[in-house]
PDB file of N, CA and C in Angstrom:
ATOM      1  N   MET A   1       6.153 -13.089  -6.105  1.00  0.00           N
ATOM      2  CA  MET A   1       4.836 -12.546  -6.371  1.00  0.00           C
ATOM      3  C   MET A   1       4.388 -11.829  -5.109  1.00  0.00           C
ATOM      4  N   VAL A   2       3.965 -10.613  -5.250  1.00  0.00           N
ATOM      5  CA  VAL A   2       3.414  -9.854  -4.127  1.00  0.00           C
ATOM      6  C   VAL A   2       1.965  -9.538  -4.453  1.00  0.00           C
ATOM      7  N   THR A   3       1.094  -9.765  -3.474  1.00  0.00           N
ATOM      8  CA  THR A   3      -0.326  -9.483  -3.642  1.00  0.00           C
ATOM      9  C   THR A   3      -0.877  -8.909  -2.344  1.00  0.00           C
ATOM     10  N   ASP A   4      -2.155  -8.661  -2.308  1.00  0.00           N
ATOM     11  CA  ASP A   4      -2.791  -8.116  -1.113  1.00  0.00           C
ATOM     12  C   ASP A   4      -3.369  -9.233  -0.251  1.00  0.00           C
ATOM     13  N   ASP A   5      -3.646  -8.897   0.995  1.00  0.00           N
ATOM     14  CA  ASP A   5      -4.266  -9.826   1.941  1.00  0.00           C
ATOM     15  C   ASP A   5      -5.186  -9.010   2.838  1.00  0.00           C
ATOM     16  N   ASN A   6      -6.461  -9.305   2.790  1.00  0.00           N
ATOM     17  CA  ASN A   6      -7.456  -8.565   3.581  1.00  0.00           C
ATOM     18  C   ASN A   6      -7.295  -7.050   3.428  1.00  0.00           C
ATOM     19  N   PRO A   7      -7.470  -6.531   2.216  1.00  0.00           N
ATOM     20  CA  PRO A   7      -7.257  -5.100   2.036  1.00  0.00           C
ATOM     21  C   PRO A   7      -8.284  -4.213   2.743  1.00  0.00           C
ATOM     22  N   ARG A   8      -9.387  -4.828   3.134  1.00  0.00           N
ATOM     23  CA  ARG A   8     -10.458  -4.062   3.765  1.00  0.00           C
ATOM     24  C   ARG A   8     -10.759  -2.839   2.907  1.00  0.00           C
ATOM     25  N   THR A   9     -10.735  -1.647   3.476  1.00  0.00           N
ATOM     26  CA  THR A   9     -11.079  -0.455   2.698  1.00  0.00           C
ATOM     27  C   THR A   9      -9.845   0.243   2.127  1.00  0.00           C
ATOM     28  N   GLU A  10      -8.662  -0.351   2.321  1.00  0.00           N
ATOM     29  CA  GLU A  10      -7.448   0.215   1.729  1.00  0.00           C
ATOM     30  C   GLU A  10      -7.376  -0.166   0.253  1.00  0.00           C
ATOM     31  N   GLU A  11      -6.672   0.642  -0.500  1.00  0.00           N
ATOM     32  CA  GLU A  11      -6.432   0.308  -1.896  1.00  0.00           C
ATOM     33  C   GLU A  11      -5.406  -0.822  -1.945  1.00  0.00           C
ATOM     34  N   PRO A  12      -5.723  -1.940  -2.604  1.00  0.00           N
ATOM     35  CA  PRO A  12      -4.762  -3.043  -2.681  1.00  0.00           C
ATOM     36  C   PRO A  12      -3.393  -2.605  -3.204  1.00  0.00           C
ATOM     37  N   ARG A  13      -3.385  -1.710  -4.169  1.00  0.00           N
ATOM     38  CA  ARG A  13      -2.108  -1.260  -4.745  1.00  0.00           C
ATOM     39  C   ARG A  13      -1.266  -0.515  -3.708  1.00  0.00           C
ATOM     40  N   ALA A  14      -1.908   0.218  -2.803  1.00  0.00           N
ATOM     41  CA  ALA A  14      -1.167   0.928  -1.752  1.00  0.00           C
ATOM     42  C   ALA A  14      -0.487  -0.070  -0.816  1.00  0.00           C
ATOM     43  N   ILE A  15      -1.167  -1.154  -0.495  1.00  0.00           N
ATOM     44  CA  ILE A  15      -0.585  -2.203   0.350  1.00  0.00           C
ATOM     45  C   ILE A  15       0.623  -2.811  -0.361  1.00  0.00           C
ATOM     46  N   ILE A  16       0.449  -3.130  -1.619  1.00  0.00           N
ATOM     47  CA  ILE A  16       1.530  -3.724  -2.404  1.00  0.00           C
ATOM     48  C   ILE A  16       2.717  -2.773  -2.477  1.00  0.00           C
ATOM     49  N   ASN A  17       2.466  -1.497  -2.719  1.00  0.00           N
ATOM     50  CA  ASN A  17       3.554  -0.517  -2.794  1.00  0.00           C
ATOM     51  C   ASN A  17       4.310  -0.414  -1.478  1.00  0.00           C
ATOM     52  N   ASP A  18       3.610  -0.494  -0.352  1.00  0.00           N
ATOM     53  CA  ASP A  18       4.275  -0.476   0.956  1.00  0.00           C
ATOM     54  C   ASP A  18       5.193  -1.687   1.114  1.00  0.00           C
ATOM     55  N   ILE A  19       4.742  -2.847   0.663  1.00  0.00           N
ATOM     56  CA  ILE A  19       5.566  -4.057   0.731  1.00  0.00           C
ATOM     57  C   ILE A  19       6.803  -3.897  -0.148  1.00  0.00           C
ATOM     58  N   LEU A  20       6.605  -3.434  -1.362  1.00  0.00           N
ATOM     59  CA  LEU A  20       7.719  -3.271  -2.296  1.00  0.00           C
ATOM     60  C   LEU A  20       8.752  -2.274  -1.779  1.00  0.00           C
ATOM     61  N   ALA A  21       8.305  -1.255  -1.074  1.00  0.00           N
ATOM     62  CA  ALA A  21       9.219  -0.233  -0.553  1.00  0.00           C
ATOM     63  C   ALA A  21      10.238  -0.828   0.415  1.00  0.00           C
ATOM     64  N   GLY A  22       9.890  -1.913   1.074  1.00  0.00           N
ATOM     65  CA  GLY A  22      10.801  -2.539   2.020  1.00  0.00           C
ATOM     66  C   GLY A  22      11.675  -3.626   1.421  1.00  0.00           C
ATOM     67  N   MET A  23      11.591  -3.839   0.131  1.00  0.00           N
ATOM     68  CA  MET A  23      12.363  -4.902  -0.519  1.00  0.00           C
ATOM     69  C   MET A  23      13.638  -4.341  -1.133  1.00  0.00           C
ATOM     70  N   LEU A  24      14.695  -5.134  -1.086  1.00  0.00           N
ATOM     71  CA  LEU A  24      15.977  -4.705  -1.638  1.00  0.00           C
ATOM     72  C   LEU A  24      15.966  -4.635  -3.155  1.00  0.00           C
ATOM     73  N   ASP A  25      15.315  -5.577  -3.810  1.00  0.00           N
ATOM     74  CA  ASP A  25      15.310  -5.610  -5.270  1.00  0.00           C
ATOM     75  C   ASP A  25      13.888  -5.827  -5.771  1.00  0.00           C
ATOM     76  N   ALA A  26      13.047  -4.843  -5.545  1.00  0.00           N
ATOM     77  CA  ALA A  26      11.631  -4.958  -5.896  1.00  0.00           C
ATOM     78  C   ALA A  26      11.419  -5.113  -7.398  1.00  0.00           C
ATOM     79  N   GLY A  27      12.398  -4.749  -8.190  1.00  0.00           N
ATOM     80  CA  GLY A  27      12.280  -4.879  -9.638  1.00  0.00           C
ATOM     81  C   GLY A  27      12.226  -6.321 -10.110  1.00  0.00           C
ATOM     82  N   GLN A  28      12.638  -7.246  -9.261  1.00  0.00           N
ATOM     83  CA  GLN A  28      12.635  -8.666  -9.610  1.00  0.00           C
ATOM     84  C   GLN A  28      11.360  -9.376  -9.153  1.00  0.00           C
ATOM     85  N   VAL A  29      10.407  -8.618  -8.629  1.00  0.00           N
ATOM     86  CA  VAL A  29       9.199  -9.194  -8.035  1.00  0.00           C
ATOM     87  C   VAL A  29       8.007  -8.972  -8.954  1.00  0.00           C
ATOM     88  N   ARG A  30       7.209 -10.018  -9.131  1.00  0.00           N
ATOM     89  CA  ARG A  30       5.957  -9.863  -9.879  1.00  0.00           C
ATOM     90  C   ARG A  30       4.874  -9.395  -8.919  1.00  0.00           C
ATOM     91  N   VAL A  31       3.984  -8.575  -9.422  1.00  0.00           N
ATOM     92  CA  VAL A  31       2.908  -7.996  -8.618  1.00  0.00           C
ATOM     93  C   VAL A  31       1.582  -8.351  -9.263  1.00  0.00           C
ATOM     94  N   MET A  32       0.614  -8.742  -8.428  1.00  0.00           N
ATOM     95  CA  MET A  32      -0.717  -9.034  -8.943  1.00  0.00           C
ATOM     96  C   MET A  32      -1.740  -8.725  -7.861  1.00  0.00           C
ATOM     97  N   GLU A  33      -2.675  -7.853  -8.180  1.00  0.00           N
ATOM     98  CA  GLU A  33      -3.774  -7.586  -7.257  1.00  0.00           C
ATOM     99  C   GLU A  33      -4.759  -8.748  -7.337  1.00  0.00           C
ATOM    100  N   GLY A  34      -5.387  -9.032  -6.212  1.00  0.00           N
ATOM    101  CA  GLY A  34      -6.329 -10.142  -6.153  1.00  0.00           C
ATOM    102  C   GLY A  34      -5.607 -11.405  -5.732  1.00  0.00           C
ATOM    103  N   ARG A  35      -5.797 -11.800  -4.490  1.00  0.00           N
ATOM    104  CA  ARG A  35      -5.034 -12.908  -3.918  1.00  0.00           C
ATOM    105  C   ARG A  35      -5.260 -14.230  -4.650  1.00  0.00           C
ATOM    106  N   ALA A  36      -6.500 -14.569  -4.958  1.00  0.00           N
ATOM    107  CA  ALA A  36      -6.774 -15.836  -5.646  1.00  0.00           C
ATOM    108  C   ALA A  36      -6.075 -15.880  -6.999  1.00  0.00           C
ATOM    109  N   GLU A  37      -6.109 -14.784  -7.717  1.00  0.00           N
ATOM    110  CA  GLU A  37      -5.456 -14.720  -9.019  1.00  0.00           C
ATOM    111  C   GLU A  37      -3.946 -14.844  -8.876  1.00  0.00           C
ATOM    112  N   ALA A  38      -3.381 -14.206  -7.848  1.00  0.00           N
ATOM    113  CA  ALA A  38      -1.934 -14.267  -7.632  1.00  0.00           C
ATOM    114  C   ALA A  38      -1.481 -15.677  -7.266  1.00  0.00           C
ATOM    115  N   VAL A  39      -2.212 -16.334  -6.378  1.00  0.00           N
ATOM    116  CA  VAL A  39      -1.867 -17.707  -5.992  1.00  0.00           C
ATOM    117  C   VAL A  39      -1.984 -18.625  -7.204  1.00  0.00           C
ATOM    118  N   THR A  40      -3.065 -18.483  -7.950  1.00  0.00           N
ATOM    119  CA  THR A  40      -3.261 -19.291  -9.152  1.00  0.00           C
ATOM    120  C   THR A  40      -2.124 -19.070 -10.138  1.00  0.00           C
ATOM    121  N   ASN A  41      -1.785 -17.820 -10.385  1.00  0.00           N
ATOM    122  CA  ASN A  41      -0.724 -17.488 -11.331  1.00  0.00           C
ATOM    123  C   ASN A  41       0.613 -18.062 -10.885  1.00  0.00           C
ATOM    124  N   ALA A  42       0.936 -17.926  -9.607  1.00  0.00           N
ATOM    125  CA  ALA A  42       2.214 -18.435  -9.098  1.00  0.00           C
ATOM    126  C   ALA A  42       2.314 -19.948  -9.281  1.00  0.00           C
ATOM    127  N   ILE A  43       1.251 -20.659  -8.977  1.00  0.00           N
ATOM    128  CA  ILE A  43       1.269 -22.119  -9.114  1.00  0.00           C
ATOM    129  C   ILE A  43       1.325 -22.529 -10.582  1.00  0.00           C
ATOM    130  N   MET A  44       0.544 -21.883 -11.418  1.00  0.00           N
ATOM    131  CA  MET A  44       0.495 -22.258 -12.828  1.00  0.00           C
ATOM    132  C   MET A  44       1.805 -21.927 -13.554  1.00  0.00           C
ATOM    133  N   GLN A  45       2.522 -20.902 -13.096  1.00  0.00           N
ATOM    134  CA  GLN A  45       3.784 -20.501 -13.724  1.00  0.00           C
ATOM    135  C   GLN A  45       4.973 -21.322 -13.232  1.00  0.00           C
ATOM    136  N   ALA A  46       4.798 -22.041 -12.128  1.00  0.00           N
ATOM    137  CA  ALA A  46       5.909 -22.802 -11.546  1.00  0.00           C
ATOM    138  C   ALA A  46       6.366 -23.907 -12.493  1.00  0.00           C
ATOM    139  N   LYS A  47       7.671 -24.087 -12.521  1.00  0.00           N
ATOM    140  CA  LYS A  47       8.272 -25.137 -13.343  1.00  0.00           C
ATOM    141  C   LYS A  47       8.839 -26.220 -12.428  1.00  0.00           C
ATOM    142  N   ASP A  48       9.292 -27.314 -13.014  1.00  0.00           N
ATOM    143  CA  ASP A  48       9.910 -28.383 -12.233  1.00  0.00           C
ATOM    144  C   ASP A  48      10.989 -27.809 -11.323  1.00  0.00           C
ATOM    145  N   ASN A  49      11.020 -28.269 -10.107  1.00  0.00           N
ATOM    146  CA  ASN A  49      11.993 -27.876  -9.081  1.00  0.00           C
ATOM    147  C   ASN A  49      11.788 -26.468  -8.526  1.00  0.00           C
ATOM    148  N   ASP A  50      10.748 -25.745  -8.959  1.00  0.00           N
ATOM    149  CA  ASP A  50      10.416 -24.455  -8.348  1.00  0.00           C
ATOM    150  C   ASP A  50       9.721 -24.701  -7.016  1.00  0.00           C
ATOM    151  N   VAL A  51       9.800 -23.730  -6.154  1.00  0.00           N
ATOM    152  CA  VAL A  51       9.085 -23.758  -4.882  1.00  0.00           C
ATOM    153  C   VAL A  51       8.144 -22.566  -4.856  1.00  0.00           C
ATOM    154  N   VAL A  52       6.884 -22.810  -4.558  1.00  0.00           N
ATOM    155  CA  VAL A  52       5.915 -21.731  -4.390  1.00  0.00           C
ATOM    156  C   VAL A  52       5.561 -21.684  -2.913  1.00  0.00           C
ATOM    157  N   LEU A  53       5.930 -20.604  -2.255  1.00  0.00           N
ATOM    158  CA  LEU A  53       5.623 -20.407  -0.842  1.00  0.00           C
ATOM    159  C   LEU A  53       4.459 -19.435  -0.753  1.00  0.00           C
ATOM    160  N   ILE A  54       3.360 -19.891  -0.198  1.00  0.00           N
ATOM    161  CA  ILE A  54       2.176 -19.049  -0.038  1.00  0.00           C
ATOM    162  C   ILE A  54       2.116 -18.658   1.432  1.00  0.00           C
ATOM    163  N   ALA A  55       2.337 -17.394   1.708  1.00  0.00           N
ATOM    164  CA  ALA A  55       2.411 -16.934   3.098  1.00  0.00           C
ATOM    165  C   ALA A  55       1.383 -15.843   3.356  1.00  0.00           C
ATOM    166  N   GLY A  56       0.944 -15.766   4.587  1.00  0.00           N
ATOM    167  CA  GLY A  56       0.089 -14.652   4.967  1.00  0.00           C
ATOM    168  C   GLY A  56      -1.236 -15.037   5.578  1.00  0.00           C
ATOM    169  N   LYS A  57      -1.992 -15.917   4.942  1.00  0.00           N
ATOM    170  CA  LYS A  57      -3.331 -16.206   5.438  1.00  0.00           C
ATOM    171  C   LYS A  57      -3.348 -17.279   6.514  1.00  0.00           C
ATOM    172  N   GLY A  58      -2.431 -18.228   6.415  1.00  0.00           N
ATOM    173  CA  GLY A  58      -2.413 -19.291   7.415  1.00  0.00           C
ATOM    174  C   GLY A  58      -3.736 -20.029   7.478  1.00  0.00           C
ATOM    175  N   HIS A  59      -4.316 -20.101   8.654  1.00  0.00           N
ATOM    176  CA  HIS A  59      -5.553 -20.860   8.868  1.00  0.00           C
ATOM    177  C   HIS A  59      -6.809 -20.114   8.417  1.00  0.00           C
ATOM    178  N   GLU A  60      -6.691 -18.838   8.084  1.00  0.00           N
ATOM    179  CA  GLU A  60      -7.878 -18.055   7.724  1.00  0.00           C
ATOM    180  C   GLU A  60      -8.541 -18.628   6.473  1.00  0.00           C
ATOM    181  N   ASP A  61      -9.860 -18.667   6.490  1.00  0.00           N
ATOM    182  CA  ASP A  61     -10.610 -19.159   5.334  1.00  0.00           C
ATOM    183  C   ASP A  61     -11.519 -18.065   4.780  1.00  0.00           C
ATOM    184  N   TYR A  62     -11.033 -16.857   4.843  1.00  0.00           N
ATOM    185  CA  TYR A  62     -11.802 -15.717   4.341  1.00  0.00           C
ATOM    186  C   TYR A  62     -10.848 -14.615   3.895  1.00  0.00           C
ATOM    187  N   GLN A  63     -11.399 -13.702   3.110  1.00  0.00           N
ATOM    188  CA  GLN A  63     -10.694 -12.511   2.652  1.00  0.00           C
ATOM    189  C   GLN A  63     -11.639 -11.348   2.901  1.00  0.00           C
ATOM    190  N   ILE A  64     -11.152 -10.291   3.504  1.00  0.00           N
ATOM    191  CA  ILE A  64     -11.989  -9.115   3.741  1.00  0.00           C
ATOM    192  C   ILE A  64     -11.652  -8.073   2.684  1.00  0.00           C
ATOM    193  N   VAL A  65     -12.642  -7.772   1.853  1.00  0.00           N
ATOM    194  CA  VAL A  65     -12.493  -6.793   0.788  1.00  0.00           C
ATOM    195  C   VAL A  65     -13.586  -5.765   0.978  1.00  0.00           C
ATOM    196  N   GLY A  66     -13.183  -4.519   1.150  1.00  0.00           N
ATOM    197  CA  GLY A  66     -14.157  -3.490   1.500  1.00  0.00           C
ATOM    198  C   GLY A  66     -14.693  -3.805   2.882  1.00  0.00           C
ATOM    199  N   THR A  67     -15.987  -3.917   2.984  1.00  0.00           N
ATOM    200  CA  THR A  67     -16.596  -4.290   4.264  1.00  0.00           C
ATOM    201  C   THR A  67     -17.180  -5.700   4.208  1.00  0.00           C
ATOM    202  N   GLN A  68     -16.858  -6.440   3.141  1.00  0.00           N
ATOM    203  CA  GLN A  68     -17.393  -7.792   2.976  1.00  0.00           C
ATOM    204  C   GLN A  68     -16.375  -8.850   3.387  1.00  0.00           C
ATOM    205  N   ARG A  69     -16.847  -9.866   4.076  1.00  0.00           N
ATOM    206  CA  ARG A  69     -16.032 -11.033   4.415  1.00  0.00           C
ATOM    207  C   ARG A  69     -16.380 -12.127   3.407  1.00  0.00           C
ATOM    208  N   LEU A  70     -15.432 -12.453   2.550  1.00  0.00           N
ATOM    209  CA  LEU A  70     -15.649 -13.401   1.463  1.00  0.00           C
ATOM    210  C   LEU A  70     -14.967 -14.726   1.767  1.00  0.00           C
ATOM    211  N   ASP A  71     -15.616 -15.828   1.428  1.00  0.00           N
ATOM    212  CA  ASP A  71     -15.002 -17.138   1.594  1.00  0.00           C
ATOM    213  C   ASP A  71     -13.786 -17.231   0.685  1.00  0.00           C
ATOM    214  N   TYR A  72     -12.639 -17.561   1.254  1.00  0.00           N
ATOM    215  CA  TYR A  72     -11.422 -17.761   0.470  1.00  0.00           C
ATOM    216  C   TYR A  72     -10.382 -18.462   1.334  1.00  0.00           C
ATOM    217  N   SER A  73      -9.721 -19.449   0.763  1.00  0.00           N
ATOM    218  CA  SER A  73      -8.663 -20.175   1.461  1.00  0.00           C
ATOM    219  C   SER A  73      -7.507 -20.423   0.506  1.00  0.00           C
ATOM    220  N   ASP A  74      -6.294 -20.002   0.899  1.00  0.00           N
ATOM    221  CA  ASP A  74      -5.108 -20.315   0.106  1.00  0.00           C
ATOM    222  C   ASP A  74      -4.948 -21.818  -0.038  1.00  0.00           C
ATOM    223  N   ARG A  75      -5.183 -22.539   1.056  1.00  0.00           N
ATOM    224  CA  ARG A  75      -5.001 -23.996   1.039  1.00  0.00           C
ATOM    225  C   ARG A  75      -5.940 -24.662   0.043  1.00  0.00           C
ATOM    226  N   VAL A  76      -7.203 -24.262   0.043  1.00  0.00           N
ATOM    227  CA  VAL A  76      -8.173 -24.854  -0.882  1.00  0.00           C
ATOM    228  C   VAL A  76      -7.825 -24.475  -2.319  1.00  0.00           C
ATOM    229  N   THR A  77      -7.469 -23.228  -2.548  1.00  0.00           N
ATOM    230  CA  THR A  77      -7.096 -22.786  -3.893  1.00  0.00           C
ATOM    231  C   THR A  77      -5.924 -23.604  -4.421  1.00  0.00           C
ATOM    232  N   ALA A  78      -4.878 -23.740  -3.624  1.00  0.00           N
ATOM    233  CA  ALA A  78      -3.691 -24.496  -4.047  1.00  0.00           C
ATOM    234  C   ALA A  78      -4.022 -25.968  -4.248  1.00  0.00           C
ATOM    235  N   ALA A  79      -4.777 -26.548  -3.336  1.00  0.00           N
ATOM    236  CA  ALA A  79      -5.119 -27.969  -3.438  1.00  0.00           C
ATOM    237  C   ALA A  79      -5.914 -28.255  -4.705  1.00  0.00           C
ATOM    238  N   ARG A  80      -6.838 -27.383  -5.050  1.00  0.00           N
ATOM    239  CA  ARG A  80      -7.623 -27.574  -6.281  1.00  0.00           C
ATOM    240  C   ARG A  80      -6.725 -27.491  -7.512  1.00  0.00           C
ATOM    241  N   LEU A  81      -5.836 -26.510  -7.526  1.00  0.00           N
ATOM    242  CA  LEU A  81      -4.946 -26.352  -8.676  1.00  0.00           C
ATOM    243  C   LEU A  81      -4.000 -27.534  -8.842  1.00  0.00           C
ATOM    244  N   LEU A  82      -3.601 -28.114  -7.729  1.00  0.00           N
ATOM    245  CA  LEU A  82      -2.666 -29.241  -7.765  1.00  0.00           C
ATOM    246  C   LEU A  82      -3.375 -30.586  -7.887  1.00  0.00           C
ATOM    247  N   GLY A  83      -4.710 -30.562  -7.963  1.00  0.00           N
ATOM    248  CA  GLY A  83      -5.479 -31.779  -8.140  1.00  0.00           C
ATOM    249  C   GLY A  83      -5.605 -32.627  -6.890  1.00  0.00           C
ATOM    250  N   VAL A  84      -5.338 -32.031  -5.734  1.00  0.00           N
ATOM    251  CA  VAL A  84      -5.442 -32.761  -4.472  1.00  0.00           C
ATOM    252  C   VAL A  84      -6.897 -32.922  -4.063  1.00  0.00           C
ATOM    253  N   ILE A  85      -7.720 -31.886  -4.355  1.00  0.00           N
ATOM    254  CA  ILE A  85      -9.160 -31.950  -4.105  1.00  0.00           C
ATOM    255  C   ILE A  85      -9.887 -31.460  -5.344  1.00  0.00           C
ATOM    256  N   ALA A  86     -11.150 -31.836  -5.447  1.00  0.00           N
ATOM    257  CA  ALA A  86     -11.951 -31.432  -6.614  1.00  0.00           C
ATOM    258  C   ALA A  86     -12.509 -30.046  -6.438  1.00  0.00           C
TER     259      ALA A  86
END
């Protein structure tokens, strides 16, 4: 799954296209704009013995979209989906 991270004033799709351009087999990759939706989709689609690696944000607890800094955490999103926190 490829998604955007802090797109700021860039078009999220342009960021995604740049990432895909550097991949050997981009045709095998799912693409989803909107980081929260992509993380949610990846976790919900995972089957037994699958591994979901969420990379990029690390310790950051925000997403910058346009000129707005929005509260967002990959860790909190994943923990809620997995029932670790309410």
